[in-house]
Amino acid sequence: MRYEDFATNLMRIGEGRGIPAAGRFATTERAVSSVVTVTLTPVSVATITVAAQTFTGIPGVELNDIVIPVRTPNITATAITSVQPTAQNTISVSFINPTAGALTPTSGAYTFLIIKTQ
């Protein structure tokens, strides 16, 4: 179930769990949801596999946040399958390589939407 609660500026999902709208303060005055752009340098992903890689220095990320890739510089046949926070300011990005040879995802500016949960 999903509905927007305009009185508290929250988008509710499931059992009343609130997610502050991007750019707005939650009723608890926690940090707002945000969009961040960081430079990442991924390493090679073996053939026909999914590999998680950890990146630090992602400002504002906390363990319970939802992180969604918005824009990537990737021009190889690799793709991002998931992004999860693993610690404060740290994320794990899983890249998939469906090809018959090892590939390195493109280094550069990656943009993520960070959604703060309560």
N, C-alpha and C. Protein backbone atom coordinates (compact mmCIF):
# COMPACT_ATOMS: atom_id res chain seq x y z
N MET A 1 0.84 -1.16 0.00
CA MET A 1 0.00 0.00 0.00
C MET A 1 0.89 1.24 0.00
N ARG A 2 0.52 2.24 -0.78
CA ARG A 2 1.27 3.49 -0.83
C ARG A 2 0.28 4.63 -0.90
N TYR A 3 0.48 5.62 -0.07
CA TYR A 3 -0.31 6.82 -0.18
C TYR A 3 0.51 7.99 0.32
N GLU A 4 0.14 9.18 -0.09
CA GLU A 4 0.85 10.38 0.34
C GLU A 4 0.05 11.08 1.42
N ASP A 5 0.72 11.43 2.49
CA ASP A 5 0.11 12.11 3.62
C ASP A 5 0.60 13.55 3.58
N PHE A 6 -0.15 14.44 2.95
CA PHE A 6 0.29 15.81 2.76
C PHE A 6 0.34 16.59 4.08
N ALA A 7 -0.41 16.16 5.08
CA ALA A 7 -0.41 16.86 6.36
C ALA A 7 0.96 16.77 7.04
N THR A 8 1.66 15.66 6.86
CA THR A 8 2.97 15.49 7.50
C THR A 8 4.10 15.46 6.49
N ASN A 9 3.79 15.65 5.20
CA ASN A 9 4.77 15.64 4.12
C ASN A 9 5.52 14.31 4.06
N LEU A 10 4.78 13.22 4.19
CA LEU A 10 5.36 11.88 4.13
C LEU A 10 4.68 11.06 3.05
N MET A 11 5.44 10.17 2.45
CA MET A 11 4.87 9.16 1.57
C MET A 11 4.87 7.88 2.40
N ARG A 12 3.72 7.31 2.62
CA ARG A 12 3.62 6.13 3.48
C ARG A 12 3.63 4.87 2.62
N ILE A 13 4.41 3.89 3.07
CA ILE A 13 4.49 2.62 2.38
C ILE A 13 4.25 1.52 3.40
N GLY A 14 3.40 0.57 3.08
CA GLY A 14 3.18 -0.58 3.94
C GLY A 14 2.53 -0.20 5.26
N GLU A 15 3.10 -0.68 6.34
CA GLU A 15 2.52 -0.52 7.67
C GLU A 15 2.85 0.83 8.30
N GLY A 16 2.56 1.90 7.57
CA GLY A 16 2.72 3.23 8.13
C GLY A 16 4.14 3.74 8.19
N ARG A 17 5.07 3.06 7.55
CA ARG A 17 6.45 3.51 7.54
C ARG A 17 6.54 4.77 6.69
N GLY A 18 7.07 5.83 7.24
CA GLY A 18 7.07 7.11 6.53
C GLY A 18 8.39 7.40 5.87
N ILE A 19 8.35 7.95 4.68
CA ILE A 19 9.55 8.38 3.96
C ILE A 19 9.36 9.85 3.63
N PRO A 20 10.23 10.73 4.16
CA PRO A 20 10.07 12.16 3.84
C PRO A 20 10.25 12.40 2.35
N ALA A 21 9.47 13.31 1.82
CA ALA A 21 9.60 13.68 0.42
C ALA A 21 10.94 14.35 0.19
N ALA A 22 11.50 14.20 -1.00
CA ALA A 22 12.81 14.81 -1.31
C ALA A 22 12.72 16.31 -1.14
N GLY A 23 13.73 16.86 -0.46
CA GLY A 23 13.81 18.30 -0.28
C GLY A 23 12.95 18.85 0.83
N ARG A 24 12.29 17.99 1.60
CA ARG A 24 11.42 18.45 2.68
C ARG A 24 11.88 17.85 4.00
N PHE A 25 11.65 18.56 5.10
CA PHE A 25 12.00 18.03 6.40
C PHE A 25 10.91 17.12 6.91
N ALA A 26 11.32 16.07 7.57
CA ALA A 26 10.37 15.17 8.22
C ALA A 26 9.90 15.84 9.50
N THR A 27 8.86 15.29 10.10
CA THR A 27 8.34 15.86 11.34
C THR A 27 9.35 15.73 12.47
N THR A 28 10.32 14.83 12.35
CA THR A 28 11.34 14.66 13.37
C THR A 28 12.55 15.55 13.15
N GLU A 29 12.52 16.37 12.09
CA GLU A 29 13.61 17.27 11.72
C GLU A 29 14.90 16.52 11.37
N ARG A 30 14.78 15.27 10.96
CA ARG A 30 15.94 14.53 10.45
C ARG A 30 16.36 15.14 9.13
N ALA A 31 17.51 14.70 8.64
CA ALA A 31 18.00 15.19 7.35
C ALA A 31 16.99 14.88 6.25
N VAL A 32 16.99 15.68 5.21
CA VAL A 32 16.06 15.49 4.11
C VAL A 32 16.58 14.43 3.15
N SER A 33 15.66 13.89 2.37
CA SER A 33 16.09 13.02 1.28
C SER A 33 16.83 13.88 0.28
N SER A 34 17.79 13.28 -0.43
CA SER A 34 18.63 14.11 -1.29
C SER A 34 19.11 13.34 -2.50
N VAL A 35 19.65 14.10 -3.44
CA VAL A 35 20.30 13.54 -4.61
C VAL A 35 21.77 13.91 -4.50
N VAL A 36 22.66 12.90 -4.60
CA VAL A 36 24.10 13.17 -4.51
C VAL A 36 24.79 12.60 -5.75
N THR A 37 25.82 13.30 -6.18
CA THR A 37 26.64 12.83 -7.28
C THR A 37 28.05 12.64 -6.76
N VAL A 38 28.61 11.45 -6.98
CA VAL A 38 29.95 11.12 -6.52
C VAL A 38 30.73 10.46 -7.65
N THR A 39 32.03 10.55 -7.59
CA THR A 39 32.87 9.88 -8.59
C THR A 39 33.25 8.50 -8.07
N LEU A 40 32.90 7.48 -8.84
CA LEU A 40 33.22 6.09 -8.47
C LEU A 40 34.17 5.50 -9.50
N THR A 41 35.03 4.62 -9.02
CA THR A 41 35.94 3.90 -9.90
C THR A 41 35.76 2.40 -9.65
N PRO A 42 34.80 1.78 -10.35
CA PRO A 42 34.56 0.34 -10.17
C PRO A 42 35.73 -0.49 -10.70
N VAL A 43 35.80 -1.73 -10.23
CA VAL A 43 36.82 -2.66 -10.72
C VAL A 43 36.15 -3.68 -11.64
N SER A 44 36.95 -4.49 -12.27
CA SER A 44 36.47 -5.46 -13.25
C SER A 44 35.45 -6.43 -12.65
N VAL A 45 34.46 -6.78 -13.47
CA VAL A 45 33.45 -7.77 -13.10
C VAL A 45 33.66 -8.97 -14.02
N ALA A 46 33.81 -10.14 -13.42
CA ALA A 46 34.07 -11.37 -14.19
C ALA A 46 32.90 -11.68 -15.12
N THR A 47 33.17 -12.54 -16.07
CA THR A 47 32.18 -12.93 -17.05
C THR A 47 30.97 -13.62 -16.41
N ILE A 48 29.79 -13.31 -16.91
CA ILE A 48 28.52 -13.91 -16.51
C ILE A 48 28.39 -14.00 -14.99
N THR A 49 28.44 -12.84 -14.33
CA THR A 49 28.35 -12.82 -12.87
C THR A 49 27.79 -11.49 -12.38
N VAL A 50 27.39 -11.49 -11.12
CA VAL A 50 27.01 -10.27 -10.41
C VAL A 50 28.03 -10.10 -9.29
N ALA A 51 28.63 -8.91 -9.20
CA ALA A 51 29.65 -8.66 -8.19
C ALA A 51 29.33 -7.39 -7.43
N ALA A 52 29.32 -7.49 -6.10
CA ALA A 52 29.10 -6.31 -5.25
C ALA A 52 30.43 -5.63 -4.99
N GLN A 53 30.42 -4.30 -5.10
CA GLN A 53 31.62 -3.50 -4.84
C GLN A 53 31.24 -2.41 -3.84
N THR A 54 32.10 -2.17 -2.87
CA THR A 54 31.84 -1.21 -1.81
C THR A 54 32.54 0.11 -2.11
N PHE A 55 31.80 1.21 -1.89
CA PHE A 55 32.34 2.55 -2.11
C PHE A 55 32.07 3.40 -0.87
N THR A 56 33.09 4.12 -0.42
CA THR A 56 32.95 5.01 0.72
C THR A 56 32.90 6.45 0.23
N GLY A 57 32.61 7.36 1.14
CA GLY A 57 32.57 8.78 0.79
C GLY A 57 31.29 9.21 0.12
N ILE A 58 30.19 8.49 0.38
CA ILE A 58 28.89 8.86 -0.16
C ILE A 58 28.20 9.72 0.90
N PRO A 59 28.18 11.04 0.74
CA PRO A 59 27.71 11.92 1.81
C PRO A 59 26.23 11.73 2.15
N GLY A 60 25.97 11.63 3.45
CA GLY A 60 24.59 11.57 3.93
C GLY A 60 23.96 10.21 3.97
N VAL A 61 24.63 9.17 3.50
CA VAL A 61 24.04 7.83 3.50
C VAL A 61 24.13 7.23 4.91
N GLU A 62 23.00 6.69 5.35
CA GLU A 62 22.94 5.98 6.63
C GLU A 62 22.44 4.56 6.37
N LEU A 63 22.66 3.69 7.32
CA LEU A 63 22.39 2.26 7.14
C LEU A 63 20.96 1.94 6.72
N ASN A 64 19.96 2.66 7.21
CA ASN A 64 18.56 2.34 6.91
C ASN A 64 17.99 3.09 5.71
N ASP A 65 18.81 3.86 5.01
CA ASP A 65 18.34 4.63 3.87
C ASP A 65 18.04 3.72 2.67
N ILE A 66 17.26 4.24 1.76
CA ILE A 66 17.02 3.60 0.47
C ILE A 66 17.84 4.38 -0.54
N VAL A 67 18.67 3.69 -1.31
CA VAL A 67 19.53 4.36 -2.28
C VAL A 67 19.20 3.84 -3.68
N ILE A 68 18.89 4.78 -4.58
CA ILE A 68 18.48 4.43 -5.94
C ILE A 68 19.42 5.11 -6.93
N PRO A 69 20.04 4.34 -7.84
CA PRO A 69 20.87 4.98 -8.85
C PRO A 69 19.98 5.77 -9.83
N VAL A 70 20.36 7.00 -10.10
CA VAL A 70 19.58 7.86 -10.98
C VAL A 70 20.27 8.05 -12.32
N ARG A 71 21.58 8.26 -12.28
CA ARG A 71 22.34 8.49 -13.51
C ARG A 71 23.71 7.85 -13.35
N THR A 72 24.13 7.11 -14.36
CA THR A 72 25.46 6.49 -14.34
C THR A 72 26.17 6.79 -15.64
N PRO A 73 27.50 6.83 -15.61
CA PRO A 73 28.24 7.09 -16.84
C PRO A 73 28.51 5.82 -17.64
N ASN A 74 27.95 4.72 -17.21
CA ASN A 74 28.29 3.41 -17.74
C ASN A 74 28.02 3.29 -19.24
N ILE A 75 29.06 2.93 -19.99
CA ILE A 75 28.91 2.71 -21.43
C ILE A 75 29.30 1.28 -21.82
N THR A 76 29.59 0.46 -20.81
CA THR A 76 29.90 -0.95 -21.09
C THR A 76 28.60 -1.76 -21.01
N ALA A 77 28.69 -3.06 -21.23
CA ALA A 77 27.51 -3.92 -21.17
C ALA A 77 27.15 -4.29 -19.74
N THR A 78 27.86 -3.73 -18.74
CA THR A 78 27.50 -3.99 -17.36
C THR A 78 26.31 -3.13 -16.94
N ALA A 79 25.65 -3.53 -15.85
CA ALA A 79 24.52 -2.76 -15.34
C ALA A 79 24.48 -2.88 -13.82
N ILE A 80 23.85 -1.93 -13.17
CA ILE A 80 23.68 -1.98 -11.72
C ILE A 80 22.41 -2.77 -11.42
N THR A 81 22.54 -3.77 -10.53
CA THR A 81 21.36 -4.55 -10.15
C THR A 81 20.79 -4.11 -8.82
N SER A 82 21.64 -3.58 -7.92
CA SER A 82 21.15 -3.08 -6.64
C SER A 82 22.18 -2.17 -5.99
N VAL A 83 21.69 -1.30 -5.11
CA VAL A 83 22.55 -0.43 -4.31
C VAL A 83 22.01 -0.48 -2.89
N GLN A 84 22.90 -0.76 -1.93
CA GLN A 84 22.49 -0.83 -0.53
C GLN A 84 23.50 -0.13 0.34
N PRO A 85 23.02 0.62 1.35
CA PRO A 85 23.96 1.19 2.32
C PRO A 85 24.52 0.06 3.19
N THR A 86 25.81 0.12 3.49
CA THR A 86 26.42 -0.90 4.35
C THR A 86 26.93 -0.29 5.65
N ALA A 87 27.08 1.02 5.68
CA ALA A 87 27.51 1.76 6.87
C ALA A 87 27.28 3.24 6.56
N GLN A 88 27.57 4.09 7.54
CA GLN A 88 27.41 5.52 7.29
C GLN A 88 28.38 5.96 6.19
N ASN A 89 27.85 6.66 5.20
CA ASN A 89 28.61 7.17 4.05
C ASN A 89 29.22 6.08 3.18
N THR A 90 28.67 4.86 3.24
CA THR A 90 29.20 3.73 2.47
C THR A 90 28.06 2.96 1.82
N ILE A 91 28.25 2.62 0.54
CA ILE A 91 27.25 1.82 -0.17
C ILE A 91 27.91 0.62 -0.84
N SER A 92 27.09 -0.39 -1.10
CA SER A 92 27.50 -1.54 -1.87
C SER A 92 26.71 -1.50 -3.18
N VAL A 93 27.43 -1.50 -4.29
CA VAL A 93 26.79 -1.46 -5.61
C VAL A 93 27.04 -2.81 -6.28
N SER A 94 25.98 -3.48 -6.69
CA SER A 94 26.12 -4.76 -7.40
C SER A 94 26.03 -4.51 -8.90
N PHE A 95 27.09 -4.90 -9.59
CA PHE A 95 27.15 -4.78 -11.05
C PHE A 95 26.97 -6.17 -11.66
N ILE A 96 26.24 -6.25 -12.77
CA ILE A 96 26.09 -7.51 -13.48
C ILE A 96 26.84 -7.41 -14.81
N ASN A 97 27.50 -8.50 -15.16
CA ASN A 97 28.18 -8.61 -16.45
C ASN A 97 27.64 -9.85 -17.15
N PRO A 98 26.75 -9.68 -18.12
CA PRO A 98 26.16 -10.83 -18.80
C PRO A 98 26.96 -11.31 -20.00
N THR A 99 28.13 -10.71 -20.25
CA THR A 99 28.88 -11.03 -21.46
C THR A 99 29.83 -12.20 -21.26
N ALA A 100 30.48 -12.61 -22.33
CA ALA A 100 31.40 -13.75 -22.31
C ALA A 100 32.83 -13.36 -21.93
N GLY A 101 33.04 -12.12 -21.50
CA GLY A 101 34.37 -11.68 -21.09
C GLY A 101 34.27 -10.71 -19.94
N ALA A 102 35.35 -10.56 -19.18
CA ALA A 102 35.38 -9.62 -18.06
C ALA A 102 35.22 -8.19 -18.57
N LEU A 103 34.49 -7.38 -17.81
CA LEU A 103 34.28 -5.97 -18.16
C LEU A 103 34.44 -5.11 -16.91
N THR A 104 34.87 -3.89 -17.10
CA THR A 104 34.96 -2.93 -16.00
C THR A 104 33.91 -1.85 -16.22
N PRO A 105 32.98 -1.69 -15.24
CA PRO A 105 32.00 -0.61 -15.37
C PRO A 105 32.73 0.74 -15.48
N THR A 106 32.15 1.67 -16.17
CA THR A 106 32.76 2.96 -16.44
C THR A 106 32.96 3.76 -15.16
N SER A 107 34.15 4.33 -14.99
CA SER A 107 34.42 5.25 -13.87
C SER A 107 33.84 6.61 -14.21
N GLY A 108 33.46 7.34 -13.18
CA GLY A 108 32.95 8.68 -13.40
C GLY A 108 31.90 9.07 -12.39
N ALA A 109 31.08 10.06 -12.76
CA ALA A 109 30.08 10.62 -11.87
C ALA A 109 28.81 9.76 -11.86
N TYR A 110 28.50 9.21 -10.70
CA TYR A 110 27.29 8.43 -10.48
C TYR A 110 26.37 9.26 -9.59
N THR A 111 25.10 9.35 -9.95
CA THR A 111 24.13 10.12 -9.17
C THR A 111 23.14 9.16 -8.52
N PHE A 112 22.91 9.37 -7.21
CA PHE A 112 22.03 8.52 -6.43
C PHE A 112 20.96 9.36 -5.72
N LEU A 113 19.75 8.83 -5.66
CA LEU A 113 18.69 9.40 -4.83
C LEU A 113 18.76 8.68 -3.50
N ILE A 114 18.92 9.44 -2.43
CA ILE A 114 18.98 8.88 -1.07
C ILE A 114 17.68 9.22 -0.39
N ILE A 115 16.90 8.21 -0.04
CA ILE A 115 15.63 8.41 0.62
C ILE A 115 15.80 8.05 2.09
N LYS A 116 15.56 9.02 2.95
CA LYS A 116 15.68 8.81 4.39
C LYS A 116 14.43 8.11 4.91
N THR A 117 14.60 7.07 5.70
CA THR A 117 13.47 6.37 6.31
C THR A 117 13.42 6.72 7.78
N GLN A 118 12.25 6.55 8.36
CA GLN A 118 12.09 6.86 9.80
C GLN A 118 11.97 5.59 10.58
